N, C-alpha and C. Protein backbone atom coordinates (compact mmCIF):
# COMPACT_ATOMS: atom_id res chain seq x y z
N MET A 1 -85.01 -85.45 -136.01
CA MET A 1 -84.82 -84.43 -135.06
C MET A 1 -84.26 -84.96 -133.84
N ARG A 2 -83.22 -84.37 -133.29
CA ARG A 2 -82.62 -85.01 -132.15
C ARG A 2 -82.58 -83.79 -131.02
N ILE A 3 -83.04 -84.18 -129.86
CA ILE A 3 -82.95 -83.27 -128.67
C ILE A 3 -81.61 -83.28 -128.10
N LEU A 4 -81.00 -82.12 -128.06
CA LEU A 4 -79.61 -82.04 -127.54
C LEU A 4 -79.65 -81.68 -126.09
N LYS A 5 -80.56 -80.77 -125.61
CA LYS A 5 -80.55 -80.38 -124.25
C LYS A 5 -81.95 -79.73 -123.88
N GLU A 6 -82.44 -79.92 -122.70
CA GLU A 6 -83.65 -79.34 -122.13
C GLU A 6 -83.43 -78.78 -120.74
N TRP A 7 -84.13 -77.67 -120.52
CA TRP A 7 -84.00 -77.14 -119.17
C TRP A 7 -85.25 -76.19 -118.98
N THR A 8 -85.40 -75.68 -117.82
CA THR A 8 -86.38 -74.65 -117.43
C THR A 8 -85.63 -73.34 -117.00
N TYR A 9 -86.15 -72.20 -117.66
CA TYR A 9 -85.66 -70.90 -117.23
C TYR A 9 -86.84 -70.18 -116.70
N LYS A 10 -86.85 -69.92 -115.36
CA LYS A 10 -88.04 -69.30 -114.69
C LYS A 10 -89.23 -70.09 -115.09
N HIS A 11 -90.20 -69.60 -115.82
CA HIS A 11 -91.46 -70.33 -116.20
C HIS A 11 -91.36 -70.88 -117.60
N LEU A 12 -90.14 -70.66 -118.36
CA LEU A 12 -90.12 -71.17 -119.65
C LEU A 12 -89.53 -72.40 -119.75
N ARG A 13 -89.97 -73.27 -120.74
CA ARG A 13 -89.40 -74.53 -120.93
C ARG A 13 -88.51 -74.38 -122.26
N VAL A 14 -87.22 -74.69 -122.17
CA VAL A 14 -86.34 -74.50 -123.25
C VAL A 14 -85.89 -75.87 -123.77
N THR A 15 -86.01 -76.09 -125.07
CA THR A 15 -85.40 -77.30 -125.71
C THR A 15 -84.52 -76.94 -126.88
N ILE A 16 -83.40 -77.61 -126.83
CA ILE A 16 -82.44 -77.36 -128.02
C ILE A 16 -82.42 -78.63 -128.78
N MET A 17 -82.65 -78.39 -130.21
CA MET A 17 -82.72 -79.59 -131.01
C MET A 17 -81.81 -79.35 -132.24
N GLU A 18 -81.48 -80.49 -132.95
CA GLU A 18 -80.71 -80.43 -134.06
C GLU A 18 -81.40 -81.20 -135.28
N MET A 19 -81.50 -80.53 -136.35
CA MET A 19 -82.18 -81.19 -137.50
C MET A 19 -81.71 -80.52 -138.79
N ASN A 20 -81.31 -81.36 -139.75
CA ASN A 20 -80.93 -80.94 -141.11
C ASN A 20 -79.98 -79.69 -141.08
N ALA A 21 -78.92 -79.86 -140.44
CA ALA A 21 -77.86 -78.90 -140.36
C ALA A 21 -78.39 -77.55 -139.77
N LYS A 22 -79.34 -77.68 -138.92
CA LYS A 22 -79.94 -76.46 -138.13
C LYS A 22 -79.92 -76.81 -136.61
N THR A 23 -79.72 -75.72 -135.86
CA THR A 23 -79.93 -75.84 -134.44
C THR A 23 -81.20 -75.09 -134.18
N ILE A 24 -82.12 -75.76 -133.49
CA ILE A 24 -83.47 -75.21 -133.19
C ILE A 24 -83.63 -75.03 -131.68
N ILE A 25 -84.01 -73.76 -131.39
CA ILE A 25 -84.26 -73.32 -130.02
C ILE A 25 -85.68 -73.17 -129.88
N LYS A 26 -86.39 -73.96 -129.05
CA LYS A 26 -87.82 -73.90 -128.77
C LYS A 26 -88.08 -73.51 -127.33
N LEU A 27 -88.81 -72.44 -127.23
CA LEU A 27 -89.26 -71.94 -125.91
C LEU A 27 -90.76 -72.13 -125.79
N GLU A 28 -91.20 -72.60 -124.66
CA GLU A 28 -92.62 -72.83 -124.45
C GLU A 28 -93.01 -72.10 -123.13
N ASP A 29 -94.27 -71.57 -123.24
CA ASP A 29 -94.85 -70.96 -122.05
C ASP A 29 -96.25 -71.45 -122.12
N GLY A 30 -96.61 -72.47 -121.43
CA GLY A 30 -98.02 -73.03 -121.38
C GLY A 30 -98.26 -73.55 -122.87
N LEU A 31 -99.38 -73.08 -123.50
CA LEU A 31 -99.76 -73.56 -124.77
C LEU A 31 -99.00 -72.88 -125.84
N LEU A 32 -98.24 -71.81 -125.53
CA LEU A 32 -97.66 -71.04 -126.63
C LEU A 32 -96.09 -71.44 -126.74
N GLU A 33 -95.62 -71.24 -127.97
CA GLU A 33 -94.23 -71.56 -128.16
C GLU A 33 -93.57 -70.63 -129.14
N GLN A 34 -92.25 -70.31 -129.00
CA GLN A 34 -91.50 -69.72 -129.94
C GLN A 34 -90.41 -70.64 -130.45
N THR A 35 -90.09 -70.48 -131.74
CA THR A 35 -89.03 -71.33 -132.31
C THR A 35 -87.99 -70.51 -133.08
N TYR A 36 -86.78 -70.76 -132.76
CA TYR A 36 -85.76 -70.04 -133.54
C TYR A 36 -84.82 -71.12 -134.18
N LYS A 37 -84.67 -70.96 -135.50
CA LYS A 37 -83.80 -71.90 -136.36
C LYS A 37 -82.54 -71.17 -136.71
N LEU A 38 -81.39 -71.80 -136.48
CA LEU A 38 -80.07 -71.17 -136.73
C LEU A 38 -79.33 -72.18 -137.60
N ARG A 39 -78.71 -71.70 -138.63
CA ARG A 39 -77.80 -72.59 -139.37
C ARG A 39 -76.58 -73.01 -138.48
N ASP A 40 -76.09 -74.20 -138.74
CA ASP A 40 -75.07 -74.77 -137.88
C ASP A 40 -73.78 -73.89 -137.92
N ASP A 41 -73.60 -73.08 -138.89
CA ASP A 41 -72.35 -72.17 -138.84
C ASP A 41 -72.57 -70.98 -137.94
N VAL A 42 -73.80 -70.74 -137.42
CA VAL A 42 -73.98 -69.69 -136.46
C VAL A 42 -73.54 -70.11 -135.08
N ILE A 43 -73.90 -71.33 -134.67
CA ILE A 43 -73.62 -71.83 -133.37
C ILE A 43 -72.72 -73.04 -133.58
N GLN A 44 -71.61 -73.08 -133.02
CA GLN A 44 -70.67 -74.19 -133.21
C GLN A 44 -70.87 -75.33 -132.15
N ASN A 45 -71.27 -74.95 -130.86
CA ASN A 45 -71.38 -75.94 -129.80
C ASN A 45 -72.41 -75.36 -128.86
N LEU A 46 -72.80 -76.20 -127.91
CA LEU A 46 -73.83 -75.84 -126.93
C LEU A 46 -73.32 -74.75 -125.86
N GLY A 47 -72.04 -74.80 -125.63
CA GLY A 47 -71.42 -73.75 -124.77
C GLY A 47 -71.52 -72.46 -125.35
N GLN A 48 -71.34 -72.30 -126.67
CA GLN A 48 -71.48 -70.98 -127.39
C GLN A 48 -72.90 -70.54 -127.33
N LEU A 49 -73.89 -71.52 -127.54
CA LEU A 49 -75.26 -71.19 -127.47
C LEU A 49 -75.73 -70.69 -126.09
N ASP A 50 -75.14 -71.29 -124.99
CA ASP A 50 -75.44 -70.86 -123.58
C ASP A 50 -74.98 -69.35 -123.40
N GLU A 51 -73.88 -69.00 -123.97
CA GLU A 51 -73.41 -67.68 -123.90
C GLU A 51 -74.38 -66.58 -124.61
N LYS A 52 -74.93 -67.07 -125.62
CA LYS A 52 -75.86 -66.16 -126.43
C LYS A 52 -77.16 -66.00 -125.72
N MET A 53 -77.55 -67.06 -125.00
CA MET A 53 -78.96 -67.05 -124.37
C MET A 53 -78.91 -66.23 -123.02
N THR A 54 -78.80 -65.01 -123.08
CA THR A 54 -78.66 -64.25 -121.91
C THR A 54 -80.01 -63.91 -121.26
N ASP A 55 -79.91 -63.23 -120.07
CA ASP A 55 -81.14 -62.83 -119.44
C ASP A 55 -81.94 -61.85 -120.35
N ALA A 56 -81.22 -61.06 -121.16
CA ALA A 56 -81.95 -60.12 -122.04
C ALA A 56 -82.70 -60.86 -123.14
N PHE A 57 -82.08 -61.96 -123.64
CA PHE A 57 -82.78 -62.83 -124.58
C PHE A 57 -84.05 -63.41 -124.04
N TYR A 58 -84.05 -63.92 -122.82
CA TYR A 58 -85.22 -64.47 -122.16
C TYR A 58 -86.27 -63.46 -121.79
N ASP A 59 -85.72 -62.28 -121.39
CA ASP A 59 -86.63 -61.12 -121.15
C ASP A 59 -87.50 -60.74 -122.39
N ASN A 60 -86.70 -60.68 -123.56
CA ASN A 60 -87.39 -60.32 -124.79
C ASN A 60 -88.39 -61.48 -125.20
N ALA A 61 -88.07 -62.62 -124.98
CA ALA A 61 -88.94 -63.69 -125.32
C ALA A 61 -90.10 -63.75 -124.46
N THR A 62 -89.97 -63.23 -123.17
CA THR A 62 -91.14 -63.26 -122.26
C THR A 62 -92.10 -62.17 -122.74
N LYS A 63 -91.48 -61.08 -123.18
CA LYS A 63 -92.40 -59.92 -123.76
C LYS A 63 -93.12 -60.39 -124.96
N ILE A 64 -92.43 -61.09 -125.71
CA ILE A 64 -93.13 -61.68 -126.93
C ILE A 64 -94.33 -62.60 -126.62
N PHE A 65 -94.02 -63.46 -125.61
CA PHE A 65 -95.07 -64.31 -125.05
C PHE A 65 -96.31 -63.52 -124.49
N GLU A 66 -96.02 -62.44 -123.81
CA GLU A 66 -97.18 -61.59 -123.33
C GLU A 66 -98.00 -61.01 -124.50
N HIS A 67 -97.34 -60.53 -125.46
CA HIS A 67 -97.99 -60.03 -126.74
C HIS A 67 -98.82 -61.19 -127.34
N MET A 68 -98.19 -62.35 -127.42
CA MET A 68 -98.94 -63.51 -128.02
C MET A 68 -100.26 -63.88 -127.14
N LYS A 69 -100.07 -63.76 -125.88
CA LYS A 69 -101.27 -64.09 -125.05
C LYS A 69 -102.37 -63.06 -125.17
N GLU A 70 -101.94 -61.71 -125.32
CA GLU A 70 -102.92 -60.64 -125.56
C GLU A 70 -103.66 -60.96 -126.79
N ASN A 71 -102.89 -61.27 -127.83
CA ASN A 71 -103.39 -61.49 -129.28
C ASN A 71 -104.38 -62.56 -129.28
N SER A 72 -103.93 -63.65 -128.60
CA SER A 72 -104.76 -64.90 -128.57
C SER A 72 -106.09 -64.61 -127.85
N ARG A 73 -106.09 -63.90 -126.72
CA ARG A 73 -107.16 -63.65 -125.93
C ARG A 73 -108.11 -62.70 -126.72
N SER A 74 -107.68 -61.66 -127.41
CA SER A 74 -108.53 -60.80 -128.12
C SER A 74 -109.16 -61.51 -129.36
N ALA A 75 -108.32 -62.45 -129.94
CA ALA A 75 -108.88 -63.07 -131.11
C ALA A 75 -109.82 -64.34 -130.90
N PHE A 76 -109.55 -64.97 -129.73
CA PHE A 76 -110.24 -66.23 -129.53
C PHE A 76 -111.06 -66.39 -128.29
N GLU A 77 -111.03 -65.23 -127.50
CA GLU A 77 -111.83 -65.29 -126.29
C GLU A 77 -113.33 -65.45 -126.60
N LYS A 78 -113.97 -66.24 -125.83
CA LYS A 78 -115.45 -66.42 -126.04
C LYS A 78 -116.16 -65.22 -125.69
N THR A 79 -117.04 -64.69 -126.53
CA THR A 79 -117.83 -63.52 -126.25
C THR A 79 -119.11 -64.00 -125.65
N ASP A 80 -119.87 -63.09 -125.04
CA ASP A 80 -121.12 -63.41 -124.41
C ASP A 80 -122.27 -63.33 -125.33
N THR A 81 -122.15 -63.70 -126.55
CA THR A 81 -123.32 -63.83 -127.42
C THR A 81 -124.00 -65.09 -127.18
N PHE A 82 -125.27 -65.17 -127.49
CA PHE A 82 -126.01 -66.27 -127.29
C PHE A 82 -126.39 -67.03 -128.60
N ASP A 83 -125.46 -66.86 -129.60
CA ASP A 83 -125.76 -67.58 -130.85
C ASP A 83 -125.56 -69.12 -130.72
N ASP A 84 -124.83 -69.56 -129.65
CA ASP A 84 -124.67 -70.95 -129.55
C ASP A 84 -125.78 -71.72 -128.79
N GLU A 85 -126.74 -70.90 -128.25
CA GLU A 85 -127.85 -71.62 -127.58
C GLU A 85 -128.87 -72.25 -128.47
N PHE A 86 -129.41 -73.27 -128.05
CA PHE A 86 -130.41 -74.03 -128.81
C PHE A 86 -131.79 -73.37 -128.68
N ASP A 87 -132.63 -73.56 -129.65
CA ASP A 87 -134.05 -73.15 -129.51
C ASP A 87 -134.75 -74.04 -128.49
N VAL A 88 -135.71 -73.48 -127.80
CA VAL A 88 -136.49 -74.23 -126.90
C VAL A 88 -137.64 -74.96 -127.61
N ILE A 89 -137.60 -76.28 -127.37
CA ILE A 89 -138.53 -77.11 -127.96
C ILE A 89 -139.50 -77.73 -126.94
N ILE A 90 -140.66 -77.53 -127.00
CA ILE A 90 -141.70 -78.08 -125.91
C ILE A 90 -142.49 -79.05 -126.55
């Protein structure tokens, strides 16, 4: 895997990589990430990729991150159950 380019767009970390005849776009928002894999015949060069990654693309990715955060919170948020407490030993 070879990193071709990295930058920050607002609060998102963007990394463009190349591996096995694929261009990989990785977007990171804190602990969450989205990955898009494209065949090399879809994107010919980085300039063409820059044209495709518009504000609308980033806005949609941000909305997906918001849904991911909500899903993560609802699935993994610690509840106030006391099952994890130890018995009192005197």
